[in-house]
C-alpha atoms as a PDB file:
ATOM      1  CA  MET A   1     174.324 196.826 233.363  1.00  0.00           C
ATOM      2  CA  THR A   2     173.379 199.307 230.687  1.00  0.00           C
ATOM      3  CA  LEU A   3     174.330 199.240 226.849  1.00  0.00           C
ATOM      4  CA  THR A   4     175.693 202.690 227.298  1.00  0.00           C
ATOM      5  CA  GLU A   5     177.816 201.110 229.642  1.00  0.00           C
ATOM      6  CA  LEU A   6     178.836 197.985 227.157  1.00  0.00           C
ATOM      7  CA  ARG A   7     179.585 200.811 224.623  1.00  0.00           C
ATOM      8  CA  TYR A   8     182.200 202.286 226.723  1.00  0.00           C
ATOM      9  CA  ILE A   9     184.259 199.361 227.328  1.00  0.00           C
ATOM     10  CA  VAL A  10     184.080 198.232 223.602  1.00  0.00           C
ATOM     11  CA  THR A  11     185.195 201.853 222.992  1.00  0.00           C
ATOM     12  CA  LEU A  12     187.780 201.998 225.436  1.00  0.00           C
ATOM     13  CA  SER A  13     189.033 198.380 224.397  1.00  0.00           C
ATOM     14  CA  GLN A  14     189.623 199.390 220.836  1.00  0.00           C
ATOM     15  CA  GLU A  15     191.198 203.043 221.989  1.00  0.00           C
ATOM     16  CA  GLN A  16     193.417 201.588 224.878  1.00  0.00           C
ATOM     17  CA  HIS A  17     193.118 205.299 226.250  1.00  0.00           C
ATOM     18  CA  PHE A  18     190.333 206.716 228.182  1.00  0.00           C
ATOM     19  CA  GLY A  19     190.519 210.335 227.095  1.00  0.00           C
ATOM     20  CA  ARG A  20     189.998 208.857 223.197  1.00  0.00           C
ATOM     21  CA  ALA A  21     187.624 206.751 224.556  1.00  0.00           C
ATOM     22  CA  ALA A  22     185.713 209.496 225.950  1.00  0.00           C
ATOM     23  CA  GLU A  23     185.803 211.812 222.861  1.00  0.00           C
ATOM     24  CA  ARG A  24     184.516 209.032 220.700  1.00  0.00           C
ATOM     25  CA  CYS A  25     181.514 208.522 222.751  1.00  0.00           C
ATOM     26  CA  PHE A  26     180.861 212.236 223.389  1.00  0.00           C
ATOM     27  CA  VAL A  27     181.420 212.525 226.976  1.00  0.00           C
ATOM     28  CA  SER A  28     183.861 213.668 229.498  1.00  0.00           C
ATOM     29  CA  GLN A  29     186.647 211.041 230.612  1.00  0.00           C
ATOM     30  CA  PRO A  30     185.751 211.205 234.186  1.00  0.00           C
ATOM     31  CA  THR A  31     182.353 209.987 233.304  1.00  0.00           C
ATOM     32  CA  LEU A  32     183.357 206.972 231.270  1.00  0.00           C
ATOM     33  CA  SER A  33     185.900 206.043 233.842  1.00  0.00           C
ATOM     34  CA  ILE A  34     183.271 206.106 236.574  1.00  0.00           C
ATOM     35  CA  ALA A  35     181.000 204.129 234.109  1.00  0.00           C
ATOM     36  CA  VAL A  36     183.834 201.729 233.503  1.00  0.00           C
ATOM     37  CA  LYS A  37     184.522 200.950 237.158  1.00  0.00           C
ATOM     38  CA  LYS A  38     180.758 200.775 238.211  1.00  0.00           C
ATOM     39  CA  LEU A  39     180.251 197.684 235.383  1.00  0.00           C
ATOM     40  CA  GLU A  40     183.883 196.501 237.116  1.00  0.00           C
ATOM     41  CA  ASP A  41     182.328 196.840 240.686  1.00  0.00           C
ATOM     42  CA  GLU A  42     178.617 195.003 239.207  1.00  0.00           C
ATOM     43  CA  LEU A  43     180.582 192.310 237.630  1.00  0.00           C
ATOM     44  CA  GLY A  44     183.249 191.744 240.476  1.00  0.00           C
ATOM     45  CA  VAL A  45     186.224 191.451 237.821  1.00  0.00           C
ATOM     46  CA  ALA A  46     188.515 194.172 236.470  1.00  0.00           C
ATOM     47  CA  LEU A  47     187.800 194.130 232.843  1.00  0.00           C
ATOM     48  CA  PHE A  48     190.935 196.841 232.350  1.00  0.00           C
ATOM     49  CA  GLU A  49     195.003 196.715 233.113  1.00  0.00           C
ATOM     50  CA  ARG A  50     195.373 200.421 234.292  1.00  0.00           C
ATOM     51  CA  SER A  51     198.872 202.152 233.015  1.00  0.00           C
ATOM     52  CA  LYS A  52     200.309 205.749 232.906  1.00  0.00           C
ATOM     53  CA  THR A  53     200.376 205.044 228.922  1.00  0.00           C
ATOM     54  CA  ARG A  54     197.917 202.730 228.344  1.00  0.00           C
ATOM     55  CA  VAL A  55     194.820 200.630 228.738  1.00  0.00           C
ATOM     56  CA  GLN A  56     194.233 197.131 227.714  1.00  0.00           C
ATOM     57  CA  PRO A  57     191.616 194.520 228.626  1.00  0.00           C
ATOM     58  CA  THR A  58     192.717 191.713 230.807  1.00  0.00           C
ATOM     59  CA  PRO A  59     192.473 188.296 229.632  1.00  0.00           C
ATOM     60  CA  LEU A  60     188.536 188.125 231.122  1.00  0.00           C
ATOM     61  CA  GLY A  61     187.735 191.538 229.683  1.00  0.00           C
ATOM     62  CA  GLU A  62     188.553 190.434 225.893  1.00  0.00           C
ATOM     63  CA  LYS A  63     185.620 187.903 226.474  1.00  0.00           C
ATOM     64  CA  ILE A  64     183.370 190.497 227.993  1.00  0.00           C
ATOM     65  CA  VAL A  65     184.304 192.748 225.840  1.00  0.00           C
ATOM     66  CA  THR A  66     183.677 190.568 222.821  1.00  0.00           C
ATOM     67  CA  GLN A  67     180.305 189.512 223.975  1.00  0.00           C
ATOM     68  CA  ALA A  68     179.312 193.356 224.654  1.00  0.00           C
ATOM     69  CA  GLN A  69     180.236 193.693 221.009  1.00  0.00           C
ATOM     70  CA  LEU A  70     178.043 191.370 220.274  1.00  0.00           C
ATOM     71  CA  VAL A  71     175.093 192.549 221.770  1.00  0.00           C
ATOM     72  CA  LEU A  72     175.479 195.865 220.300  1.00  0.00           C
ATOM     73  CA  GLU A  73     175.664 194.380 216.886  1.00  0.00           C
ATOM     74  CA  GLN A  74     171.916 192.927 218.044  1.00  0.00           C
ATOM     75  CA  THR A  75     171.046 196.212 219.223  1.00  0.00           C
ATOM     76  CA  SER A  76     171.673 197.776 215.935  1.00  0.00           C
ATOM     77  CA  ILE A  77     169.551 195.131 214.018  1.00  0.00           C
ATOM     78  CA  ILE A  78     166.663 195.645 216.782  1.00  0.00           C
ATOM     79  CA  LYS A  79     166.673 199.395 215.769  1.00  0.00           C
ATOM     80  CA  ASP A  80     167.133 198.546 211.523  1.00  0.00           C
ATOM     81  CA  ILE A  81     164.054 196.482 212.361  1.00  0.00           C
ATOM     82  CA  ALA A  82     162.102 199.214 213.914  1.00  0.00           C
ATOM     83  CA  SER A  83     163.101 201.487 211.060  1.00  0.00           C
ATOM     84  CA  ALA A  84     161.774 199.294 208.252  1.00  0.00           C
ATOM     85  CA  GLY A  85     158.598 199.700 209.802  1.00  0.00           C
ATOM     86  CA  LYS A  86     158.741 203.378 208.656  1.00  0.00           C
ATOM     87  CA  ASP A  87     159.280 204.993 205.615  1.00  0.00           C
ATOM     88  CA  GLN A  88     162.256 203.114 204.417  1.00  0.00           C
ATOM     89  CA  LEU A  89     163.835 206.391 202.339  1.00  0.00           C
ATOM     90  CA  SER A  90     162.909 209.025 205.168  1.00  0.00           C
ATOM     91  CA  SER A  91     166.320 207.419 207.906  1.00  0.00           C
ATOM     92  CA  PRO A  92     169.430 208.357 207.122  1.00  0.00           C
ATOM     93  CA  LEU A  93     171.482 206.110 205.260  1.00  0.00           C
ATOM     94  CA  LYS A  94     175.156 205.945 206.368  1.00  0.00           C
ATOM     95  CA  VAL A  95     177.383 204.601 203.424  1.00  0.00           C
ATOM     96  CA  GLY A  96     181.365 204.149 203.439  1.00  0.00           C
ATOM     97  CA  ALA A  97     183.757 203.688 200.699  1.00  0.00           C
ATOM     98  CA  ILE A  98     187.653 202.970 200.083  1.00  0.00           C
ATOM     99  CA  PHE A  99     189.549 205.875 199.444  1.00  0.00           C
ATOM    100  CA  THR A 100     190.543 205.032 196.010  1.00  0.00           C
ATOM    101  CA  ILE A 101     186.709 205.244 195.078  1.00  0.00           C
ATOM    102  CA  GLY A 102     184.719 207.654 197.327  1.00  0.00           C
ATOM    103  CA  PRO A 103     186.734 211.024 196.160  1.00  0.00           C
ATOM    104  CA  TYR A 104     185.375 209.967 192.449  1.00  0.00           C
ATOM    105  CA  LEU A 105     182.077 208.534 192.515  1.00  0.00           C
ATOM    106  CA  PHE A 106     180.399 210.510 195.735  1.00  0.00           C
ATOM    107  CA  PRO A 107     180.253 213.421 193.755  1.00  0.00           C
ATOM    108  CA  HIS A 108     178.597 211.606 191.037  1.00  0.00           C
ATOM    109  CA  PHE A 109     176.325 209.466 192.358  1.00  0.00           C
ATOM    110  CA  ILE A 110     174.967 212.064 195.614  1.00  0.00           C
ATOM    111  CA  PRO A 111     172.904 214.458 193.316  1.00  0.00           C
ATOM    112  CA  GLN A 112     171.456 211.181 191.720  1.00  0.00           C
ATOM    113  CA  LEU A 113     170.559 209.830 194.992  1.00  0.00           C
ATOM    114  CA  GLN A 114     168.948 212.738 196.522  1.00  0.00           C
ATOM    115  CA  ALA A 115     166.588 213.123 193.638  1.00  0.00           C
ATOM    116  CA  LEU A 116     165.756 209.713 193.921  1.00  0.00           C
ATOM    117  CA  ALA A 117     165.563 209.724 197.858  1.00  0.00           C
ATOM    118  CA  ARG A 118     164.929 213.565 198.595  1.00  0.00           C
ATOM    119  CA  ASN A 119     163.659 212.910 202.533  1.00  0.00           C
ATOM    120  CA  MET A 120     166.520 210.398 202.845  1.00  0.00           C
ATOM    121  CA  SER A 121     169.503 212.367 204.721  1.00  0.00           C
ATOM    122  CA  LEU A 122     173.146 211.053 203.272  1.00  0.00           C
ATOM    123  CA  PHE A 123     176.072 210.046 205.309  1.00  0.00           C
ATOM    124  CA  VAL A 124     179.245 209.680 203.670  1.00  0.00           C
ATOM    125  CA  GLU A 125     183.100 208.229 204.403  1.00  0.00           C
ATOM    126  CA  GLU A 126     185.990 207.032 203.265  1.00  0.00           C
ATOM    127  CA  GLY A 127     188.287 204.388 204.921  1.00  0.00           C
ATOM    128  CA  TYR A 128     190.285 201.100 204.659  1.00  0.00           C
ATOM    129  CA  THR A 129     188.835 198.049 203.342  1.00  0.00           C
ATOM    130  CA  ALA A 130     189.375 196.756 206.906  1.00  0.00           C
ATOM    131  CA  THR A 131     188.180 200.051 208.767  1.00  0.00           C
ATOM    132  CA  LEU A 132     185.110 199.598 206.590  1.00  0.00           C
ATOM    133  CA  ARG A 133     184.047 196.069 206.997  1.00  0.00           C
ATOM    134  CA  LYS A 134     184.422 196.605 210.817  1.00  0.00           C
ATOM    135  CA  ARG A 135     182.361 199.135 210.854  1.00  0.00           C
ATOM    136  CA  LEU A 136     179.613 197.738 208.832  1.00  0.00           C
ATOM    137  CA  ARG A 137     179.564 194.875 210.870  1.00  0.00           C
ATOM    138  CA  LYS A 138     179.091 197.101 213.579  1.00  0.00           C
ATOM    139  CA  GLY A 139     176.159 198.678 212.354  1.00  0.00           C
ATOM    140  CA  GLU A 140     177.976 201.984 212.288  1.00  0.00           C
ATOM    141  CA  LEU A 141     177.824 201.700 208.276  1.00  0.00           C
ATOM    142  CA  ASP A 142     174.574 200.419 206.307  1.00  0.00           C
ATOM    143  CA  ALA A 143     176.368 199.796 203.090  1.00  0.00           C
ATOM    144  CA  ILE A 144     180.361 200.013 201.679  1.00  0.00           C
ATOM    145  CA  ILE A 145     181.478 200.728 198.144  1.00  0.00           C
ATOM    146  CA  ILE A 146     184.690 198.337 197.841  1.00  0.00           C
ATOM    147  CA  SER A 147     186.374 196.308 195.201  1.00  0.00           C
ATOM    148  CA  LEU A 148     186.534 192.755 195.115  1.00  0.00           C
ATOM    149  CA  PRO A 149     187.315 190.291 196.185  1.00  0.00           C
ATOM    150  CA  PHE A 150     185.683 191.126 199.148  1.00  0.00           C
ATOM    151  CA  THR A 151     183.703 188.217 201.683  1.00  0.00           C
ATOM    152  CA  GLU A 152     182.234 188.392 204.782  1.00  0.00           C
ATOM    153  CA  ALA A 153     179.701 186.054 206.922  1.00  0.00           C
ATOM    154  CA  ASP A 154     176.154 187.481 206.699  1.00  0.00           C
ATOM    155  CA  VAL A 155     177.020 190.103 204.200  1.00  0.00           C
ATOM    156  CA  ILE A 156     175.626 190.524 200.542  1.00  0.00           C
ATOM    157  CA  THR A 157     178.101 192.047 198.129  1.00  0.00           C
ATOM    158  CA  GLN A 158     176.710 192.957 194.719  1.00  0.00           C
ATOM    159  CA  PRO A 159     178.988 193.944 191.893  1.00  0.00           C
ATOM    160  CA  LEU A 160     178.632 197.804 190.411  1.00  0.00           C
ATOM    161  CA  TYR A 161     180.739 198.243 187.423  1.00  0.00           C
ATOM    162  CA  ASP A 162     184.014 197.607 185.983  1.00  0.00           C
ATOM    163  CA  GLU A 163     186.839 199.980 185.511  1.00  0.00           C
ATOM    164  CA  SER A 164     190.294 199.807 183.929  1.00  0.00           C
ATOM    165  CA  PHE A 165     193.424 200.713 185.233  1.00  0.00           C
ATOM    166  CA  VAL A 166     195.201 203.481 183.075  1.00  0.00           C
ATOM    167  CA  VAL A 167     198.925 204.499 183.463  1.00  0.00           C
ATOM    168  CA  LEU A 168     199.426 208.664 184.206  1.00  0.00           C
ATOM    169  CA  MET A 169     202.656 210.435 183.059  1.00  0.00           C
ATOM    170  CA  THR A 170     203.854 213.431 181.896  1.00  0.00           C
ATOM    171  CA  ARG A 171     203.879 214.235 177.924  1.00  0.00           C
ATOM    172  CA  ASP A 172     207.170 214.368 177.545  1.00  0.00           C
ATOM    173  CA  HIS A 173     207.797 210.755 179.159  1.00  0.00           C
ATOM    174  CA  PRO A 174     208.976 208.290 177.028  1.00  0.00           C
ATOM    175  CA  LEU A 175     206.135 205.591 177.564  1.00  0.00           C
ATOM    176  CA  ALA A 176     203.778 208.555 176.143  1.00  0.00           C
ATOM    177  CA  LYS A 177     204.821 207.403 172.945  1.00  0.00           C
ATOM    178  CA  LYS A 178     203.019 204.426 172.969  1.00  0.00           C
ATOM    179  CA  SER A 179     199.438 204.016 172.304  1.00  0.00           C
ATOM    180  CA  LYS A 180     199.114 201.102 174.581  1.00  0.00           C
ATOM    181  CA  VAL A 181     201.126 200.144 177.637  1.00  0.00           C
ATOM    182  CA  ARG A 182     202.327 196.527 178.267  1.00  0.00           C
ATOM    183  CA  PRO A 183     202.990 196.136 182.350  1.00  0.00           C
ATOM    184  CA  GLN A 184     206.722 194.795 181.635  1.00  0.00           C
ATOM    185  CA  ASP A 185     206.857 198.397 179.917  1.00  0.00           C
ATOM    186  CA  LEU A 186     206.738 200.059 183.455  1.00  0.00           C
ATOM    187  CA  ASN A 187     209.845 197.831 184.870  1.00  0.00           C
ATOM    188  CA  GLU A 188     212.920 200.669 183.991  1.00  0.00           C
ATOM    189  CA  HIS A 189     210.817 203.462 185.470  1.00  0.00           C
ATOM    190  CA  ASN A 190     210.234 205.077 188.823  1.00  0.00           C
ATOM    191  CA  VAL A 191     206.493 203.549 189.649  1.00  0.00           C
ATOM    192  CA  LEU A 192     204.659 205.203 192.316  1.00  0.00           C
ATOM    193  CA  LEU A 193     202.294 203.266 194.447  1.00  0.00           C
ATOM    194  CA  LEU A 194     200.062 203.999 197.210  1.00  0.00           C
ATOM    195  CA  GLY A 195     201.002 202.840 200.576  1.00  0.00           C
ATOM    196  CA  GLU A 196     200.743 199.711 202.600  1.00  0.00           C
ATOM    197  CA  GLY A 197     196.947 198.690 203.077  1.00  0.00           C
ATOM    198  CA  HIS A 198     195.642 200.185 199.878  1.00  0.00           C
ATOM    199  CA  CYS A 199     193.898 197.503 197.876  1.00  0.00           C
ATOM    200  CA  PHE A 200     194.208 199.114 194.625  1.00  0.00           C
ATOM    201  CA  ARG A 201     198.093 198.821 195.500  1.00  0.00           C
ATOM    202  CA  ASP A 202     197.826 195.189 195.745  1.00  0.00           C
ATOM    203  CA  GLN A 203     195.837 195.060 192.631  1.00  0.00           C
ATOM    204  CA  VAL A 204     198.440 196.982 190.904  1.00  0.00           C
ATOM    205  CA  LEU A 205     201.512 194.671 192.234  1.00  0.00           C
ATOM    206  CA  GLU A 206     199.171 191.988 191.048  1.00  0.00           C
ATOM    207  CA  THR A 207     199.455 193.149 187.727  1.00  0.00           C
ATOM    208  CA  CYS A 208     202.906 194.231 187.235  1.00  0.00           C
ATOM    209  CA  PRO A 209     204.931 191.749 190.211  1.00  0.00           C
ATOM    210  CA  ASN A 210     207.974 193.061 188.893  1.00  0.00           C
ATOM    211  CA  LEU A 211     207.391 196.573 190.838  1.00  0.00           C
ATOM    212  CA  GLN A 212     207.668 195.283 193.879  1.00  0.00           C
ATOM    213  CA  PRO A 213     209.415 197.919 195.856  1.00  0.00           C
ATOM    214  CA  SER A 214     213.347 197.412 195.603  1.00  0.00           C
ATOM    215  CA  LEU A 215     216.605 199.424 196.056  1.00  0.00           C
ATOM    216  CA  GLU A 216     217.627 197.801 192.370  1.00  0.00           C
ATOM    217  CA  GLY A 217     215.006 197.910 189.328  1.00  0.00           C
ATOM    218  CA  VAL A 218     215.591 196.190 186.392  1.00  0.00           C
ATOM    219  CA  ASN A 219     219.426 195.725 184.347  1.00  0.00           C
ATOM    220  CA  GLY A 220     221.002 197.623 187.605  1.00  0.00           C
ATOM    221  CA  ARG A 221     218.812 200.833 187.572  1.00  0.00           C
ATOM    222  CA  ILE A 222     218.038 202.223 190.489  1.00  0.00           C
ATOM    223  CA  ARG A 223     214.707 202.833 190.705  1.00  0.00           C
ATOM    224  CA  THR A 224     212.655 204.230 193.673  1.00  0.00           C
ATOM    225  CA  ALA A 225     209.883 202.929 195.649  1.00  0.00           C
ATOM    226  CA  THR A 226     207.758 205.896 196.678  1.00  0.00           C
ATOM    227  CA  ASP A 227     204.347 205.125 198.911  1.00  0.00           C
ATOM    228  CA  GLY A 228     201.959 207.983 198.236  1.00  0.00           C
ATOM    229  CA  SER A 229     198.938 208.079 200.673  1.00  0.00           C
ATOM    230  CA  SER A 230     196.271 209.253 198.235  1.00  0.00           C
ATOM    231  CA  LEU A 231     195.596 209.141 194.643  1.00  0.00           C
ATOM    232  CA  GLU A 232     196.041 212.536 194.290  1.00  0.00           C
ATOM    233  CA  THR A 233     199.608 212.574 195.693  1.00  0.00           C
ATOM    234  CA  LEU A 234     200.817 210.307 193.107  1.00  0.00           C
ATOM    235  CA  ARG A 235     199.211 212.501 190.796  1.00  0.00           C
ATOM    236  CA  HIS A 236     200.932 215.624 192.052  1.00  0.00           C
ATOM    237  CA  MET A 237     204.324 213.987 192.420  1.00  0.00           C
ATOM    238  CA  VAL A 238     203.570 212.752 188.341  1.00  0.00           C
ATOM    239  CA  ALA A 239     203.226 216.002 187.988  1.00  0.00           C
ATOM    240  CA  SER A 240     206.232 217.174 189.662  1.00  0.00           C
ATOM    241  CA  GLY A 241     208.442 215.064 187.404  1.00  0.00           C
ATOM    242  CA  LEU A 242     209.000 212.270 190.153  1.00  0.00           C
ATOM    243  CA  GLY A 243     207.802 209.387 188.289  1.00  0.00           C
ATOM    244  CA  ILE A 244     204.647 207.516 186.404  1.00  0.00           C
ATOM    245  CA  THR A 245     201.540 205.781 188.333  1.00  0.00           C
ATOM    246  CA  VAL A 246     198.837 203.485 187.755  1.00  0.00           C
ATOM    247  CA  LEU A 247     195.039 205.358 188.293  1.00  0.00           C
ATOM    248  CA  PRO A 248     191.711 203.421 188.066  1.00  0.00           C
ATOM    249  CA  SER A 249     190.046 205.110 185.356  1.00  0.00           C
ATOM    250  CA  SER A 250     187.612 207.026 187.104  1.00  0.00           C
ATOM    251  CA  ALA A 251     190.248 208.665 189.100  1.00  0.00           C
ATOM    252  CA  ALA A 252     191.922 209.579 185.951  1.00  0.00           C
ATOM    253  CA  GLY A 253     190.079 212.282 184.568  1.00  0.00           C
ATOM    254  CA  ALA A 254     190.079 214.849 187.444  1.00  0.00           C
ATOM    255  CA  ALA A 255     193.588 216.338 187.111  1.00  0.00           C
ATOM    256  CA  GLN A 256     193.518 219.892 187.927  1.00  0.00           C
ATOM    257  CA  TYR A 257     196.853 220.923 185.087  1.00  0.00           C
ATOM    258  CA  ALA A 258     197.172 222.225 182.161  1.00  0.00           C
ATOM    259  CA  PRO A 259     195.784 219.975 179.215  1.00  0.00           C
ATOM    260  CA  SER A 260     199.856 219.829 178.099  1.00  0.00           C
ATOM    261  CA  LEU A 261     201.261 218.855 181.347  1.00  0.00           C
ATOM    262  CA  LEU A 262     200.133 215.055 181.806  1.00  0.00           C
ATOM    263  CA  VAL A 263     198.509 212.289 179.501  1.00  0.00           C
ATOM    264  CA  THR A 264     197.176 208.580 180.486  1.00  0.00           C
ATOM    265  CA  ARG A 265     197.664 205.621 178.202  1.00  0.00           C
ATOM    266  CA  PRO A 266     195.561 202.481 177.986  1.00  0.00           C
ATOM    267  CA  PHE A 267     197.376 198.996 179.123  1.00  0.00           C
ATOM    268  CA  ASP A 268     197.393 196.556 176.170  1.00  0.00           C
ATOM    269  CA  ASP A 269     194.631 194.170 176.344  1.00  0.00           C
ATOM    270  CA  PRO A 270     193.474 192.123 178.275  1.00  0.00           C
ATOM    271  CA  GLY A 271     194.393 195.351 180.676  1.00  0.00           C
ATOM    272  CA  PRO A 272     194.102 195.469 184.163  1.00  0.00           C
ATOM    273  CA  SER A 273     190.784 196.467 185.776  1.00  0.00           C
ATOM    274  CA  ARG A 274     188.921 196.017 189.206  1.00  0.00           C
ATOM    275  CA  THR A 275     185.555 195.438 189.366  1.00  0.00           C
ATOM    276  CA  VAL A 276     183.612 197.930 192.020  1.00  0.00           C
ATOM    277  CA  ALA A 277     180.905 196.580 194.320  1.00  0.00           C
ATOM    278  CA  LEU A 278     178.298 197.563 196.716  1.00  0.00           C
ATOM    279  CA  ALA A 279     178.025 195.319 200.465  1.00  0.00           C
ATOM    280  CA  TRP A 280     175.509 195.432 203.161  1.00  0.00           C
ATOM    281  CA  ARG A 281     174.295 193.286 206.107  1.00  0.00           C
ATOM    282  CA  ALA A 282     171.835 190.505 204.825  1.00  0.00           C
ATOM    283  CA  SER A 283     170.078 191.682 208.262  1.00  0.00           C
ATOM    284  CA  PHE A 284     169.936 195.057 206.947  1.00  0.00           C
ATOM    285  CA  PRO A 285     165.991 195.333 207.047  1.00  0.00           C
ATOM    286  CA  ARG A 286     165.945 198.736 204.648  1.00  0.00           C
ATOM    287  CA  HIS A 287     165.967 197.232 201.118  1.00  0.00           C
ATOM    288  CA  LYS A 288     164.608 200.354 198.918  1.00  0.00           C
ATOM    289  CA  ALA A 289     167.037 202.638 200.651  1.00  0.00           C
ATOM    290  CA  ILE A 290     169.943 199.718 199.063  1.00  0.00           C
ATOM    291  CA  ASP A 291     167.994 199.858 195.599  1.00  0.00           C
ATOM    292  CA  VAL A 292     167.992 203.444 195.088  1.00  0.00           C
ATOM    293  CA  LEU A 293     171.370 203.716 196.216  1.00  0.00           C
ATOM    294  CA  ARG A 294     172.522 200.975 193.509  1.00  0.00           C
ATOM    295  CA  THR A 295     170.253 202.824 191.496  1.00  0.00           C
ATOM    296  CA  ALA A 296     171.883 206.429 191.852  1.00  0.00           C
ATOM    297  CA  ILE A 297     174.907 204.846 191.417  1.00  0.00           C
ATOM    298  CA  SER A 298     174.475 202.835 187.804  1.00  0.00           C
ATOM    299  CA  GLN A 299     173.014 206.274 186.647  1.00  0.00           C
ATOM    300  CA  CYS A 300     176.419 207.411 187.125  1.00  0.00           C
ATOM    301  CA  GLN A 301     177.799 205.657 184.221  1.00  0.00           C
ATOM    302  CA  LEU A 302     181.945 205.687 185.583  1.00  0.00           C
ATOM    303  CA  GLY A 303     182.547 202.455 184.575  1.00  0.00           C
ATOM    304  CA  GLU A 304     183.266 200.460 181.004  1.00  0.00           C
ATOM    305  CA  HIS A 305     181.094 197.739 181.938  1.00  0.00           C
ATOM    306  CA  VAL A 306     178.186 198.570 184.074  1.00  0.00           C
ATOM    307  CA  LEU A 307     176.883 195.312 185.917  1.00  0.00           C
ATOM    308  CA  SER A 308     173.288 194.198 186.830  1.00  0.00           C
END
């Protein structure tokens, strides 16, 4: 039994397809198939049920895969401990961020980080909170940037900054006449939302519960509920006249349109906002790398209130 074989069965359990699992492991499909069969022969049990369209763990296989995942996590910790004995700012740092933060934060803090730690390579990726949470736990990411609330066992979470929400609309929209917008002002307008799975969508609906998707809006007005895949998609839809949307303030100033086309309006006090936070495993030994990452982000001054 080898760590490579354990990694194969964990990946195969996640993908439930030999071809996709092999691609993720950077090996050929026959290589992965032979290795899985070898492990099954060594253990004397079937780990997976195989069909023409799907591969899924057997009940016993699920237990073994779960234990294999724990072994791989502990192996990652051993590697981290070894790295801690070296220069903490020379090894690569893997950072993830949710979709509604990454595009607006990465371009600002990466130059700052490179200036603070010139020898530290940086790998960044975007994803949903649930995906980033799993990748952090597995050691596939060293730190993630998410929106609070966020709790995870054995993970340290530290607030970075607060940012308010604003309403984006075309300049000729009726709400553009207001200096500030109340949540109830949005009820009779077509508000474009992110799709299911985005925590920012949930935060908007918490602030404006009347925006819950429905076929019929307030006072019998028909209101469409359009789910966008990204904040940039929503921005393009607003520019096309399909409705209005709510954005975090960091995303409000990145439009590539004529100045006279789109405008933003803040919410009436106390307006909705979110707290952006940094999370990393408590066992991650490269504390200096986390410190310079946090410092680089704090120097960006994206939020209204930078937290210490």
